[in-house]
Amino acid sequence: MKRSYGLLEKRRMFVHKYISENQDRQMKIVVSELSERLFLSERTIYNIINQEPISGIIID
């Protein structure tokens, strides 16, 4: 099943924003919470984190 590029970008933006808002906490805990919220594996979350920054989009 092909995924919508727009939805993938929204997911990436959400992950990066959530991590930036919770920088003071341990990464493992933050990734675990994201995994539960988004129904994704922790490996997928780490892959999203390690991807290139989203071009043209500034996250405050």
PDB file of N, CA and C in Angstrom:
ATOM      1  N   MET A   1       0.846  -1.173   0.000  1.00  0.00           N
ATOM      2  CA  MET A   1       0.000   0.000   0.000  1.00  0.00           C
ATOM      3  C   MET A   1       0.897   1.244   0.000  1.00  0.00           C
ATOM      4  N   LYS A   2       0.653   2.137  -0.925  1.00  0.00           N
ATOM      5  CA  LYS A   2       1.453   3.346  -1.030  1.00  0.00           C
ATOM      6  C   LYS A   2       0.944   4.384  -0.035  1.00  0.00           C
ATOM      7  N   ARG A   3       1.879   5.018   0.666  1.00  0.00           N
ATOM      8  CA  ARG A   3       1.513   6.019   1.661  1.00  0.00           C
ATOM      9  C   ARG A   3       1.564   7.416   1.060  1.00  0.00           C
ATOM     10  N   SER A   4       0.702   8.265   1.546  1.00  0.00           N
ATOM     11  CA  SER A   4       0.646   9.642   1.075  1.00  0.00           C
ATOM     12  C   SER A   4       1.887  10.396   1.551  1.00  0.00           C
ATOM     13  N   TYR A   5       2.557  11.076   0.629  1.00  0.00           N
ATOM     14  CA  TYR A   5       3.748  11.853   0.970  1.00  0.00           C
ATOM     15  C   TYR A   5       3.412  12.925   2.008  1.00  0.00           C
ATOM     16  N   GLY A   6       2.257  13.547   1.866  1.00  0.00           N
ATOM     17  CA  GLY A   6       1.839  14.586   2.816  1.00  0.00           C
ATOM     18  C   GLY A   6       1.698  14.048   4.225  1.00  0.00           C
ATOM     19  N   LEU A   7       1.122  12.857   4.349  1.00  0.00           N
ATOM     20  CA  LEU A   7       0.964  12.256   5.671  1.00  0.00           C
ATOM     21  C   LEU A   7       2.311  11.865   6.272  1.00  0.00           C
ATOM     22  N   LEU A   8       3.220  11.387   5.437  1.00  0.00           N
ATOM     23  CA  LEU A   8       4.557  11.042   5.924  1.00  0.00           C
ATOM     24  C   LEU A   8       5.281  12.287   6.433  1.00  0.00           C
ATOM     25  N   GLU A   9       5.133  13.402   5.722  1.00  0.00           N
ATOM     26  CA  GLU A   9       5.755  14.653   6.149  1.00  0.00           C
ATOM     27  C   GLU A   9       5.153  15.149   7.462  1.00  0.00           C
ATOM     28  N   LYS A  10       3.824  15.036   7.601  1.00  0.00           N
ATOM     29  CA  LYS A  10       3.178  15.440   8.848  1.00  0.00           C
ATOM     30  C   LYS A  10       3.683  14.596  10.014  1.00  0.00           C
ATOM     31  N   ARG A  11       3.865  13.300   9.766  1.00  0.00           N
ATOM     32  CA  ARG A  11       4.373  12.405  10.805  1.00  0.00           C
ATOM     33  C   ARG A  11       5.795  12.795  11.190  1.00  0.00           C
ATOM     34  N   ARG A  12       6.635  13.080  10.193  1.00  0.00           N
ATOM     35  CA  ARG A  12       8.013  13.513  10.466  1.00  0.00           C
ATOM     36  C   ARG A  12       8.027  14.806  11.264  1.00  0.00           C
ATOM     37  N   MET A  13       7.198  15.762  10.886  1.00  0.00           N
ATOM     38  CA  MET A  13       7.142  17.039  11.585  1.00  0.00           C
ATOM     39  C   MET A  13       6.700  16.837  13.032  1.00  0.00           C
ATOM     40  N   PHE A  14       5.706  15.975  13.243  1.00  0.00           N
ATOM     41  CA  PHE A  14       5.218  15.707  14.593  1.00  0.00           C
ATOM     42  C   PHE A  14       6.317  15.095  15.449  1.00  0.00           C
ATOM     43  N   VAL A  15       7.041  14.122  14.895  1.00  0.00           N
ATOM     44  CA  VAL A  15       8.117  13.458  15.641  1.00  0.00           C
ATOM     45  C   VAL A  15       9.196  14.459  16.019  1.00  0.00           C
ATOM     46  N   HIS A  16       9.642  15.269  15.065  1.00  0.00           N
ATOM     47  CA  HIS A  16      10.695  16.243  15.345  1.00  0.00           C
ATOM     48  C   HIS A  16      10.232  17.294  16.355  1.00  0.00           C
ATOM     49  N   LYS A  17       8.988  17.744  16.234  1.00  0.00           N
ATOM     50  CA  LYS A  17       8.463  18.738  17.170  1.00  0.00           C
ATOM     51  C   LYS A  17       8.348  18.142  18.573  1.00  0.00           C
ATOM     52  N   TYR A  18       7.849  16.916  18.673  1.00  0.00           N
ATOM     53  CA  TYR A  18       7.691  16.259  19.975  1.00  0.00           C
ATOM     54  C   TYR A  18       9.046  16.086  20.655  1.00  0.00           C
ATOM     55  N   ILE A  19      10.043  15.705  19.881  1.00  0.00           N
ATOM     56  CA  ILE A  19      11.383  15.512  20.436  1.00  0.00           C
ATOM     57  C   ILE A  19      11.968  16.845  20.892  1.00  0.00           C
ATOM     58  N   SER A  20      11.791  17.890  20.097  1.00  0.00           N
ATOM     59  CA  SER A  20      12.333  19.195  20.488  1.00  0.00           C
ATOM     60  C   SER A  20      11.649  19.731  21.745  1.00  0.00           C
ATOM     61  N   GLU A  21      10.367  19.444  21.927  1.00  0.00           N
ATOM     62  CA  GLU A  21       9.642  19.889  23.119  1.00  0.00           C
ATOM     63  C   GLU A  21      10.031  19.089  24.360  1.00  0.00           C
ATOM     64  N   ASN A  22      10.582  17.900  24.161  1.00  0.00           N
ATOM     65  CA  ASN A  22      10.926  17.025  25.285  1.00  0.00           C
ATOM     66  C   ASN A  22      12.422  16.730  25.346  1.00  0.00           C
ATOM     67  N   GLN A  23      13.233  17.692  24.971  1.00  0.00           N
ATOM     68  CA  GLN A  23      14.681  17.502  24.927  1.00  0.00           C
ATOM     69  C   GLN A  23      15.291  17.232  26.293  1.00  0.00           C
ATOM     70  N   ASP A  24      14.652  17.716  27.337  1.00  0.00           N
ATOM     71  CA  ASP A  24      15.209  17.555  28.670  1.00  0.00           C
ATOM     72  C   ASP A  24      15.015  16.135  29.221  1.00  0.00           C
ATOM     73  N   ARG A  25      14.236  15.319  28.540  1.00  0.00           N
ATOM     74  CA  ARG A  25      13.980  13.946  28.984  1.00  0.00           C
ATOM     75  C   ARG A  25      14.866  12.977  28.218  1.00  0.00           C
ATOM     76  N   GLN A  26      14.970  11.767  28.744  1.00  0.00           N
ATOM     77  CA  GLN A  26      15.793  10.751  28.090  1.00  0.00           C
ATOM     78  C   GLN A  26      15.175  10.344  26.757  1.00  0.00           C
ATOM     79  N   MET A  27      16.038  10.192  25.754  1.00  0.00           N
ATOM     80  CA  MET A  27      15.584   9.879  24.399  1.00  0.00           C
ATOM     81  C   MET A  27      14.803   8.570  24.365  1.00  0.00           C
ATOM     82  N   LYS A  28      15.242   7.572  25.101  1.00  0.00           N
ATOM     83  CA  LYS A  28      14.565   6.273  25.083  1.00  0.00           C
ATOM     84  C   LYS A  28      13.115   6.397  25.542  1.00  0.00           C
ATOM     85  N   ILE A  29      12.875   7.217  26.545  1.00  0.00           N
ATOM     86  CA  ILE A  29      11.511   7.411  27.058  1.00  0.00           C
ATOM     87  C   ILE A  29      10.664   8.151  26.028  1.00  0.00           C
ATOM     88  N   VAL A  30      11.231   9.187  25.431  1.00  0.00           N
ATOM     89  CA  VAL A  30      10.507   9.968  24.427  1.00  0.00           C
ATOM     90  C   VAL A  30      10.151   9.083  23.226  1.00  0.00           C
ATOM     91  N   VAL A  31      11.103   8.270  22.774  1.00  0.00           N
ATOM     92  CA  VAL A  31      10.856   7.386  21.635  1.00  0.00           C
ATOM     93  C   VAL A  31       9.791   6.352  21.987  1.00  0.00           C
ATOM     94  N   SER A  32       9.823   5.846  23.203  1.00  0.00           N
ATOM     95  CA  SER A  32       8.805   4.884  23.637  1.00  0.00           C
ATOM     96  C   SER A  32       7.414   5.514  23.630  1.00  0.00           C
ATOM     97  N   GLU A  33       7.317   6.745  24.106  1.00  0.00           N
ATOM     98  CA  GLU A  33       6.030   7.445  24.095  1.00  0.00           C
ATOM     99  C   GLU A  33       5.537   7.680  22.668  1.00  0.00           C
ATOM    100  N   LEU A  34       6.440   8.082  21.794  1.00  0.00           N
ATOM    101  CA  LEU A  34       6.061   8.287  20.391  1.00  0.00           C
ATOM    102  C   LEU A  34       5.601   6.985  19.760  1.00  0.00           C
ATOM    103  N   SER A  35       6.274   5.907  20.084  1.00  0.00           N
ATOM    104  CA  SER A  35       5.907   4.602  19.549  1.00  0.00           C
ATOM    105  C   SER A  35       4.480   4.227  19.944  1.00  0.00           C
ATOM    106  N   GLU A  36       4.133   4.497  21.194  1.00  0.00           N
ATOM    107  CA  GLU A  36       2.780   4.198  21.672  1.00  0.00           C
ATOM    108  C   GLU A  36       1.742   5.134  21.054  1.00  0.00           C
ATOM    109  N   ARG A  37       2.085   6.407  20.904  1.00  0.00           N
ATOM    110  CA  ARG A  37       1.135   7.383  20.360  1.00  0.00           C
ATOM    111  C   ARG A  37       0.868   7.184  18.877  1.00  0.00           C
ATOM    112  N   LEU A  38       1.914   6.847  18.117  1.00  0.00           N
ATOM    113  CA  LEU A  38       1.789   6.758  16.659  1.00  0.00           C
ATOM    114  C   LEU A  38       1.649   5.329  16.143  1.00  0.00           C
ATOM    115  N   PHE A  39       1.690   4.349  17.052  1.00  0.00           N
ATOM    116  CA  PHE A  39       1.603   2.941  16.670  1.00  0.00           C
ATOM    117  C   PHE A  39       2.691   2.554  15.673  1.00  0.00           C
ATOM    118  N   LEU A  40       3.914   3.032  15.953  1.00  0.00           N
ATOM    119  CA  LEU A  40       5.081   2.715  15.131  1.00  0.00           C
ATOM    120  C   LEU A  40       6.106   2.008  15.995  1.00  0.00           C
ATOM    121  N   SER A  41       6.985   1.260  15.350  1.00  0.00           N
ATOM    122  CA  SER A  41       8.052   0.611  16.107  1.00  0.00           C
ATOM    123  C   SER A  41       9.089   1.658  16.518  1.00  0.00           C
ATOM    124  N   GLU A  42       9.847   1.353  17.562  1.00  0.00           N
ATOM    125  CA  GLU A  42      10.900   2.268  17.996  1.00  0.00           C
ATOM    126  C   GLU A  42      11.948   2.441  16.893  1.00  0.00           C
ATOM    127  N   ARG A  43      12.209   1.383  16.149  1.00  0.00           N
ATOM    128  CA  ARG A  43      13.171   1.465  15.041  1.00  0.00           C
ATOM    129  C   ARG A  43      12.711   2.488  13.997  1.00  0.00           C
ATOM    130  N   THR A  44      11.411   2.507  13.704  1.00  0.00           N
ATOM    131  CA  THR A  44      10.872   3.470  12.743  1.00  0.00           C
ATOM    132  C   THR A  44      11.033   4.892  13.259  1.00  0.00           C
ATOM    133  N   ILE A  45      10.798   5.092  14.546  1.00  0.00           N
ATOM    134  CA  ILE A  45      10.964   6.420  15.145  1.00  0.00           C
ATOM    135  C   ILE A  45      12.415   6.868  15.015  1.00  0.00           C
ATOM    136  N   TYR A  46      13.361   5.973  15.330  1.00  0.00           N
ATOM    137  CA  TYR A  46      14.778   6.326  15.205  1.00  0.00           C
ATOM    138  C   TYR A  46      15.143   6.623  13.741  1.00  0.00           C
ATOM    139  N   ASN A  47      14.561   5.899  12.801  1.00  0.00           N
ATOM    140  CA  ASN A  47      14.815   6.176  11.387  1.00  0.00           C
ATOM    141  C   ASN A  47      14.318   7.566  11.003  1.00  0.00           C
ATOM    142  N   ILE A  48      13.158   7.958  11.508  1.00  0.00           N
ATOM    143  CA  ILE A  48      12.614   9.287  11.231  1.00  0.00           C
ATOM    144  C   ILE A  48      13.537  10.348  11.812  1.00  0.00           C
ATOM    145  N   ILE A  49      14.034  10.114  13.030  1.00  0.00           N
ATOM    146  CA  ILE A  49      14.930  11.068  13.683  1.00  0.00           C
ATOM    147  C   ILE A  49      16.210  11.241  12.874  1.00  0.00           C
ATOM    148  N   ASN A  50      16.730  10.155  12.311  1.00  0.00           N
ATOM    149  CA  ASN A  50      18.009  10.186  11.603  1.00  0.00           C
ATOM    150  C   ASN A  50      17.903  10.658  10.157  1.00  0.00           C
ATOM    151  N   GLN A  51      16.692  10.863   9.653  1.00  0.00           N
ATOM    152  CA  GLN A  51      16.523  11.341   8.287  1.00  0.00           C
ATOM    153  C   GLN A  51      16.971  12.785   8.175  1.00  0.00           C
ATOM    154  N   GLU A  52      17.214  13.198   6.956  1.00  0.00           N
ATOM    155  CA  GLU A  52      17.585  14.583   6.681  1.00  0.00           C
ATOM    156  C   GLU A  52      16.484  15.506   7.190  1.00  0.00           C
ATOM    157  N   PRO A  53      16.855  16.727   7.620  1.00  0.00           N
ATOM    158  CA  PRO A  53      15.829  17.689   8.037  1.00  0.00           C
ATOM    159  C   PRO A  53      14.847  17.968   6.906  1.00  0.00           C
ATOM    160  N   ILE A  54      13.655  18.310   7.274  1.00  0.00           N
ATOM    161  CA  ILE A  54      12.604  18.601   6.307  1.00  0.00           C
ATOM    162  C   ILE A  54      12.946  19.917   5.626  1.00  0.00           C
ATOM    163  N   SER A  55      13.060  19.890   4.325  1.00  0.00           N
ATOM    164  CA  SER A  55      13.475  21.083   3.586  1.00  0.00           C
ATOM    165  C   SER A  55      12.323  22.084   3.502  1.00  0.00           C
ATOM    166  N   GLY A  56      12.653  23.341   3.748  1.00  0.00           N
ATOM    167  CA  GLY A  56      11.680  24.413   3.598  1.00  0.00           C
ATOM    168  C   GLY A  56      10.696  24.557   4.730  1.00  0.00           C
ATOM    169  N   ILE A  57      10.807  23.732   5.750  1.00  0.00           N
ATOM    170  CA  ILE A  57       9.866  23.801   6.864  1.00  0.00           C
ATOM    171  C   ILE A  57      10.653  24.100   8.135  1.00  0.00           C
ATOM    172  N   ILE A  58      10.238  25.137   8.842  1.00  0.00           N
ATOM    173  CA  ILE A  58      10.905  25.510  10.085  1.00  0.00           C
ATOM    174  C   ILE A  58      10.010  25.092  11.238  1.00  0.00           C
ATOM    175  N   ILE A  59      10.583  24.347  12.169  1.00  0.00           N
ATOM    176  CA  ILE A  59       9.829  23.910  13.344  1.00  0.00           C
ATOM    177  C   ILE A  59      10.264  24.759  14.519  1.00  0.00           C
ATOM    178  N   ASP A  60       9.308  25.434  15.125  1.00  0.00           N
ATOM    179  CA  ASP A  60       9.631  26.297  16.290  1.00  0.00           C
ATOM    180  C   ASP A  60       9.672  25.491  17.546  1.00  0.00           C
TER     181      ASP A  60
END
